[in-house]
C-alpha atoms as a PDB file:
ATOM      1  CA  TRP A   1     -54.172  45.658 -41.956  1.00  0.00           C
ATOM      2  CA  GLN A   2     -51.423  47.031 -44.203  1.00  0.00           C
ATOM      3  CA  SER A   3     -49.594  49.770 -42.287  1.00  0.00           C
ATOM      4  CA  GLY A   4     -51.933  49.684 -39.292  1.00  0.00           C
ATOM      5  CA  ALA A   5     -52.813  53.319 -39.759  1.00  0.00           C
ATOM      6  CA  GLU A   6     -56.431  54.304 -39.231  1.00  0.00           C
ATOM      7  CA  ALA A   7     -56.598  55.565 -42.815  1.00  0.00           C
ATOM      8  CA  ASP A   8     -55.761  52.037 -44.072  1.00  0.00           C
ATOM      9  CA  ALA A   9     -58.502  50.380 -42.010  1.00  0.00           C
ATOM     10  CA  PRO A  10     -61.164  48.604 -44.115  1.00  0.00           C
ATOM     11  CA  ARG A  11     -64.905  49.140 -43.875  1.00  0.00           C
ATOM     12  CA  PRO A  12     -66.550  48.374 -40.525  1.00  0.00           C
ATOM     13  CA  VAL A  13     -67.810  44.890 -41.501  1.00  0.00           C
ATOM     14  CA  LEU A  14     -64.352  43.743 -42.596  1.00  0.00           C
ATOM     15  CA  ARG A  15     -62.865  45.386 -39.546  1.00  0.00           C
ATOM     16  CA  HIS A  16     -65.106  43.358 -37.226  1.00  0.00           C
ATOM     17  CA  VAL A  17     -64.451  40.116 -39.121  1.00  0.00           C
ATOM     18  CA  ALA A  18     -60.683  40.659 -38.967  1.00  0.00           C
ATOM     19  CA  THR A  19     -60.883  41.448 -35.248  1.00  0.00           C
ATOM     20  CA  LEU A  20     -62.866  38.246 -34.669  1.00  0.00           C
ATOM     21  CA  ALA A  21     -60.353  36.257 -36.721  1.00  0.00           C
ATOM     22  CA  ALA A  22     -57.559  37.524 -34.460  1.00  0.00           C
ATOM     23  CA  PHE A  23     -59.271  35.737 -31.551  1.00  0.00           C
ATOM     24  CA  LEU A  24     -59.971  32.499 -33.435  1.00  0.00           C
ATOM     25  CA  VAL A  25     -56.323  31.535 -33.840  1.00  0.00           C
ATOM     26  CA  LEU A  26     -55.832  30.882 -30.122  1.00  0.00           C
ATOM     27  CA  PRO A  27     -58.436  28.082 -29.768  1.00  0.00           C
ATOM     28  CA  LEU A  28     -56.886  26.342 -32.770  1.00  0.00           C
ATOM     29  CA  VAL A  29     -53.474  26.545 -31.144  1.00  0.00           C
ATOM     30  CA  GLY A  30     -54.976  25.151 -27.936  1.00  0.00           C
ATOM     31  CA  LEU A  31     -56.521  22.248 -29.829  1.00  0.00           C
ATOM     32  CA  ALA A  32     -53.234  21.498 -31.587  1.00  0.00           C
ATOM     33  CA  ALA A  33     -51.362  21.653 -28.275  1.00  0.00           C
ATOM     34  CA  TYR A  34     -53.839  19.240 -26.687  1.00  0.00           C
ATOM     35  CA  ALA A  35     -53.493  16.780 -29.579  1.00  0.00           C
ATOM     36  CA  LEU A  36     -49.696  16.972 -29.432  1.00  0.00           C
ATOM     37  CA  VAL A  37     -49.599  16.444 -25.653  1.00  0.00           C
ATOM     38  CA  VAL A  38     -51.899  13.413 -25.935  1.00  0.00           C
ATOM     39  CA  ARG A  39     -49.685  11.903 -28.655  1.00  0.00           C
ATOM     40  CA  ILE A  40     -46.482  12.515 -26.687  1.00  0.00           C
ATOM     41  CA  ALA A  41     -48.016  11.041 -23.517  1.00  0.00           C
ATOM     42  CA  ALA A  42     -49.057   7.923 -25.413  1.00  0.00           C
ATOM     43  CA  PHE A  43     -46.011   7.352 -27.632  1.00  0.00           C
ATOM     44  CA  GLY A  44     -43.203   9.618 -26.410  1.00  0.00           C
ATOM     45  CA  PHE A  45     -41.306  12.127 -28.512  1.00  0.00           C
ATOM     46  CA  SER A  46     -40.409  11.403 -32.108  1.00  0.00           C
ATOM     47  CA  VAL A  47     -38.425  13.656 -34.414  1.00  0.00           C
ATOM     48  CA  ARG A  48     -41.664  14.898 -35.973  1.00  0.00           C
ATOM     49  CA  ARG A  49     -43.252  15.575 -32.582  1.00  0.00           C
ATOM     50  CA  VAL A  50     -40.209  17.615 -31.512  1.00  0.00           C
ATOM     51  CA  LEU A  51     -40.448  19.634 -34.727  1.00  0.00           C
ATOM     52  CA  GLY A  52     -44.209  19.968 -34.204  1.00  0.00           C
ATOM     53  CA  SER A  53     -43.615  21.265 -30.684  1.00  0.00           C
ATOM     54  CA  GLY A  54     -41.281  23.924 -32.046  1.00  0.00           C
ATOM     55  CA  ALA A  55     -43.775  24.946 -34.706  1.00  0.00           C
ATOM     56  CA  LEU A  56     -46.538  25.073 -32.123  1.00  0.00           C
ATOM     57  CA  ALA A  57     -44.461  27.362 -29.903  1.00  0.00           C
ATOM     58  CA  VAL A  58     -43.985  29.782 -32.799  1.00  0.00           C
ATOM     59  CA  VAL A  59     -47.672  29.754 -33.743  1.00  0.00           C
ATOM     60  CA  ALA A  60     -48.594  30.312 -30.078  1.00  0.00           C
ATOM     61  CA  VAL A  61     -46.500  33.496 -30.008  1.00  0.00           C
ATOM     62  CA  PHE A  62     -48.278  34.757 -33.123  1.00  0.00           C
ATOM     63  CA  ALA A  63     -51.689  33.768 -31.690  1.00  0.00           C
ATOM     64  CA  LEU A  64     -51.111  35.540 -28.368  1.00  0.00           C
ATOM     65  CA  GLY A  65     -49.969  38.665 -30.190  1.00  0.00           C
ATOM     66  CA  TYR A  66     -53.041  38.598 -32.424  1.00  0.00           C
ATOM     67  CA  VAL A  67     -55.354  38.163 -29.433  1.00  0.00           C
ATOM     68  CA  ALA A  68     -53.692  41.116 -27.717  1.00  0.00           C
ATOM     69  CA  ALA A  69     -54.144  43.223 -30.872  1.00  0.00           C
ATOM     70  CA  GLY A  70     -57.787  42.150 -31.160  1.00  0.00           C
ATOM     71  CA  TRP A  71     -58.415  42.967 -27.499  1.00  0.00           C
ATOM     72  CA  ARG A  72     -56.963  46.439 -27.937  1.00  0.00           C
ATOM     73  CA  SER A  73     -59.229  46.968 -30.952  1.00  0.00           C
ATOM     74  CA  LEU A  74     -62.288  46.067 -28.893  1.00  0.00           C
ATOM     75  CA  ARG A  75     -61.248  48.540 -26.209  1.00  0.00           C
ATOM     76  CA  GLY A  76     -61.233  51.393 -28.706  1.00  0.00           C
ATOM     77  CA  VAL A  77     -57.516  51.676 -29.350  1.00  0.00           C
ATOM     78  CA  SER A  78     -56.724  52.017 -33.057  1.00  0.00           C
ATOM     79  CA  TRP A  79     -57.752  49.060 -35.194  1.00  0.00           C
ATOM     80  CA  LEU A  80     -55.549  46.001 -34.515  1.00  0.00           C
ATOM     81  CA  ALA A  81     -52.867  48.173 -32.984  1.00  0.00           C
ATOM     82  CA  GLY A  82     -49.876  46.055 -32.079  1.00  0.00           C
ATOM     83  CA  LEU A  83     -50.280  43.590 -34.929  1.00  0.00           C
ATOM     84  CA  GLY A  84     -46.946  44.691 -36.361  1.00  0.00           C
ATOM     85  CA  GLY A  85     -45.276  44.009 -33.014  1.00  0.00           C
ATOM     86  CA  ALA A  86     -46.948  40.601 -32.845  1.00  0.00           C
ATOM     87  CA  ASN A  87     -45.559  39.728 -36.278  1.00  0.00           C
ATOM     88  CA  ILE A  88     -42.078  40.796 -35.241  1.00  0.00           C
ATOM     89  CA  ALA A  89     -42.298  38.793 -31.995  1.00  0.00           C
ATOM     90  CA  GLY A  90     -43.509  35.745 -33.903  1.00  0.00           C
ATOM     91  CA  THR A  91     -40.704  36.050 -36.423  1.00  0.00           C
ATOM     92  CA  LEU A  92     -38.119  36.363 -33.641  1.00  0.00           C
ATOM     93  CA  ALA A  93     -39.659  33.295 -31.967  1.00  0.00           C
ATOM     94  CA  LEU A  94     -39.339  31.423 -35.262  1.00  0.00           C
ATOM     95  CA  CYS A  95     -35.655  32.351 -35.508  1.00  0.00           C
ATOM     96  CA  GLY A  96     -35.064  31.298 -31.902  1.00  0.00           C
ATOM     97  CA  VAL A  97     -36.813  27.949 -32.353  1.00  0.00           C
ATOM     98  CA  LEU A  98     -34.864  27.236 -35.540  1.00  0.00           C
ATOM     99  CA  VAL A  99     -31.572  27.981 -33.765  1.00  0.00           C
ATOM    100  CA  LEU A 100     -32.571  25.705 -30.859  1.00  0.00           C
ATOM    101  CA  LEU A 101     -33.644  22.849 -33.137  1.00  0.00           C
ATOM    102  CA  HIS A 102     -30.320  23.012 -34.961  1.00  0.00           C
ATOM    103  CA  SER A 103     -28.294  23.047 -31.751  1.00  0.00           C
ATOM    104  CA  PRO A 104     -27.341  20.153 -29.461  1.00  0.00           C
ATOM    105  CA  LEU A 105     -29.666  21.605 -26.828  1.00  0.00           C
ATOM    106  CA  ALA A 106     -32.905  20.730 -28.655  1.00  0.00           C
ATOM    107  CA  ASP A 107     -31.722  18.376 -31.383  1.00  0.00           C
ATOM    108  CA  PRO A 108     -34.882  16.517 -32.469  1.00  0.00           C
ATOM    109  CA  ALA A 109     -33.048  13.209 -32.973  1.00  0.00           C
ATOM    110  CA  ARG A 110     -31.455  13.354 -29.520  1.00  0.00           C
ATOM    111  CA  ILE A 111     -34.731  14.204 -27.787  1.00  0.00           C
ATOM    112  CA  ALA A 112     -36.559  11.431 -29.659  1.00  0.00           C
ATOM    113  CA  VAL A 113     -33.937   8.801 -28.797  1.00  0.00           C
ATOM    114  CA  VAL A 114     -33.835   9.806 -25.121  1.00  0.00           C
ATOM    115  CA  SER A 115     -37.637   9.754 -24.946  1.00  0.00           C
ATOM    116  CA  GLN A 116     -37.981   6.348 -26.595  1.00  0.00           C
ATOM    117  CA  LEU A 117     -35.242   4.799 -24.428  1.00  0.00           C
ATOM    118  CA  ALA A 118     -36.914   6.200 -21.312  1.00  0.00           C
ATOM    119  CA  ARG A 119     -40.163   4.491 -22.336  1.00  0.00           C
ATOM    120  CA  LEU A 120     -38.304   1.183 -22.797  1.00  0.00           C
ATOM    121  CA  ASP A 121     -36.376   1.488 -19.519  1.00  0.00           C
ATOM    122  CA  SER A 122     -39.454   2.421 -17.505  1.00  0.00           C
ATOM    123  CA  GLY A 123     -41.490  -0.476 -18.880  1.00  0.00           C
ATOM    124  CA  LEU A 124     -44.066   1.740 -20.606  1.00  0.00           C
ATOM    125  CA  ILE A 125     -43.373  -0.328 -23.689  1.00  0.00           C
ATOM    126  CA  ARG A 126     -42.204  -3.931 -23.852  1.00  0.00           C
ATOM    127  CA  ALA A 127     -39.223  -4.992 -25.910  1.00  0.00           C
ATOM    128  CA  GLN A 128     -41.489  -6.984 -28.252  1.00  0.00           C
ATOM    129  CA  GLN A 129     -43.386  -3.808 -29.164  1.00  0.00           C
ATOM    130  CA  PHE A 130     -40.437  -1.404 -29.208  1.00  0.00           C
ATOM    131  CA  ASP A 131     -39.395  -0.107 -32.638  1.00  0.00           C
ATOM    132  CA  PHE A 132     -35.619  -0.595 -32.529  1.00  0.00           C
ATOM    133  CA  SER A 133     -35.325   0.237 -36.225  1.00  0.00           C
ATOM    134  CA  TYR A 134     -36.736   3.710 -35.502  1.00  0.00           C
ATOM    135  CA  LEU A 135     -33.595   4.494 -33.515  1.00  0.00           C
ATOM    136  CA  ALA A 136     -31.491   3.564 -36.526  1.00  0.00           C
ATOM    137  CA  ARG A 137     -33.721   5.332 -39.079  1.00  0.00           C
ATOM    138  CA  ALA A 138     -34.562   8.597 -37.344  1.00  0.00           C
ATOM    139  CA  GLY A 139     -32.140   8.763 -34.442  1.00  0.00           C
ATOM    140  CA  ALA A 140     -29.065   9.756 -36.467  1.00  0.00           C
ATOM    141  CA  GLY A 141     -25.839   9.207 -34.511  1.00  0.00           C
ATOM    142  CA  PHE A 142     -27.728   9.305 -31.205  1.00  0.00           C
ATOM    143  CA  GLY A 143     -29.851   6.337 -32.258  1.00  0.00           C
ATOM    144  CA  HIS A 144     -26.870   4.370 -33.531  1.00  0.00           C
ATOM    145  CA  ARG A 145     -24.977   4.868 -30.262  1.00  0.00           C
ATOM    146  CA  ALA A 146     -28.087   3.924 -28.286  1.00  0.00           C
ATOM    147  CA  LEU A 147     -28.463   0.704 -30.281  1.00  0.00           C
ATOM    148  CA  GLU A 148     -24.809  -0.134 -29.706  1.00  0.00           C
ATOM    149  CA  ALA A 149     -25.299   0.330 -25.961  1.00  0.00           C
ATOM    150  CA  LEU A 150     -28.472  -1.784 -25.988  1.00  0.00           C
ATOM    151  CA  ALA A 151     -26.707  -4.534 -27.922  1.00  0.00           C
ATOM    152  CA  LYS A 152     -23.990  -4.850 -25.261  1.00  0.00           C
ATOM    153  CA  ASP A 153     -24.562  -4.539 -21.553  1.00  0.00           C
ATOM    154  CA  ARG A 154     -28.145  -5.113 -20.611  1.00  0.00           C
ATOM    155  CA  VAL A 155     -29.631  -6.693 -17.503  1.00  0.00           C
ATOM    156  CA  GLY A 156     -33.195  -7.456 -16.611  1.00  0.00           C
ATOM    157  CA  PRO A 157     -35.986  -9.788 -17.628  1.00  0.00           C
ATOM    158  CA  GLN A 158     -36.000  -8.680 -21.278  1.00  0.00           C
ATOM    159  CA  ALA A 159     -32.231  -8.199 -21.594  1.00  0.00           C
ATOM    160  CA  GLN A 160     -31.632 -10.997 -24.109  1.00  0.00           C
ATOM    161  CA  LEU A 161     -34.487  -9.907 -26.367  1.00  0.00           C
ATOM    162  CA  ILE A 162     -33.362  -6.267 -26.212  1.00  0.00           C
ATOM    163  CA  ARG A 163     -29.786  -7.220 -27.100  1.00  0.00           C
ATOM    164  CA  THR A 164     -30.972  -9.374 -30.002  1.00  0.00           C
ATOM    165  CA  ARG A 165     -33.355  -6.788 -31.420  1.00  0.00           C
ATOM    166  CA  ALA A 166     -30.765  -4.001 -31.057  1.00  0.00           C
ATOM    167  CA  ARG A 167     -28.200  -6.092 -32.951  1.00  0.00           C
ATOM    168  CA  GLN A 168     -30.739  -6.819 -35.681  1.00  0.00           C
ATOM    169  CA  ALA A 169     -31.494  -3.120 -36.040  1.00  0.00           C
ATOM    170  CA  LEU A 170     -27.791  -2.314 -36.274  1.00  0.00           C
ATOM    171  CA  LEU A 171     -27.296  -4.973 -38.941  1.00  0.00           C
ATOM    172  CA  ALA A 172     -30.291  -3.761 -40.910  1.00  0.00           C
ATOM    173  CA  ALA A 173     -29.052  -0.182 -40.710  1.00  0.00           C
ATOM    174  CA  SER A 174     -25.635  -1.173 -42.049  1.00  0.00           C
ATOM    175  CA  GLY A 175     -27.134  -3.120 -44.958  1.00  0.00           C
ATOM    176  CA  LEU A 176     -25.984  -6.510 -43.654  1.00  0.00           C
ATOM    177  CA  LYS A 177     -29.420  -7.808 -42.758  1.00  0.00           C
ATOM    178  CA  SER A 178     -29.526 -10.347 -45.508  1.00  0.00           C
ATOM    179  CA  SER A 179     -26.725 -12.557 -46.762  1.00  0.00           C
ATOM    180  CA  LEU A 180     -28.246 -12.456 -50.253  1.00  0.00           C
ATOM    181  CA  SER A 181     -26.078 -10.868 -52.884  1.00  0.00           C
ATOM    182  CA  ALA A 182     -27.250  -7.730 -54.659  1.00  0.00           C
ATOM    183  CA  ARG A 183     -27.695  -9.764 -57.853  1.00  0.00           C
ATOM    184  CA  THR A 184     -29.918 -12.315 -56.080  1.00  0.00           C
ATOM    185  CA  ARG A 185     -32.033  -9.567 -54.516  1.00  0.00           C
ATOM    186  CA  ALA A 186     -32.371  -7.810 -57.874  1.00  0.00           C
ATOM    187  CA  ALA A 187     -33.552 -11.043 -59.483  1.00  0.00           C
ATOM    188  CA  GLN A 188     -36.365 -11.244 -56.900  1.00  0.00           C
ATOM    189  CA  LEU A 189     -37.753  -7.830 -57.813  1.00  0.00           C
ATOM    190  CA  GLN A 190     -40.695  -7.597 -60.166  1.00  0.00           C
ATOM    191  CA  ILE A 191     -40.178  -4.889 -62.746  1.00  0.00           C
ATOM    192  CA  TYR A 192     -43.043  -3.324 -64.710  1.00  0.00           C
ATOM    193  CA  PRO A 193     -43.455  -3.276 -67.630  1.00  0.00           C
ATOM    194  CA  ARG A 194     -42.191  -6.863 -67.751  1.00  0.00           C
ATOM    195  CA  ASP A 195     -39.882  -6.419 -70.747  1.00  0.00           C
ATOM    196  CA  TYR A 196     -37.658  -4.014 -68.749  1.00  0.00           C
ATOM    197  CA  GLY A 197     -34.947  -5.035 -66.292  1.00  0.00           C
ATOM    198  CA  LEU A 198     -32.423  -3.599 -63.898  1.00  0.00           C
END
């Protein structure tokens, strides 16, 4: 594509292949969006799924711009005219998504914690199956505060189990899970090669 000028256009075969390729990005984006929606519907948002959603939004902007440029090429306008504008729009979308993901508005940890708690509260997942440690591992401060709330005031049929599991996750996150000393835990580790130690 280079500068987009007609003089920079490649031979006709490459031109047609590049025009076709501009259309092929959109079905891939659609397939990725479908897979992401299915995963979110089944398991809720996680930090990675929030980041994946942001990446998918950026790629969708690029894909739509490329399809528009390919369509204009088929209609006889100069070869892949508008591809430069599509790249600029995609880059601006990338900047916008990055700003959102690093703001409180779309913080991946906050969205993941809210999503997982909603699944627990609605009964989509039972307390026995819920990954309380995920809130501590990936939820940052949002997850820690959520675990503290779950460990305190809880009513309902699974309230005792939820309180217990939330407390366990908090203890594990703070390193107090086991009463074993660091020396005792180190002695239980198997080091290879055997003649080395900690």
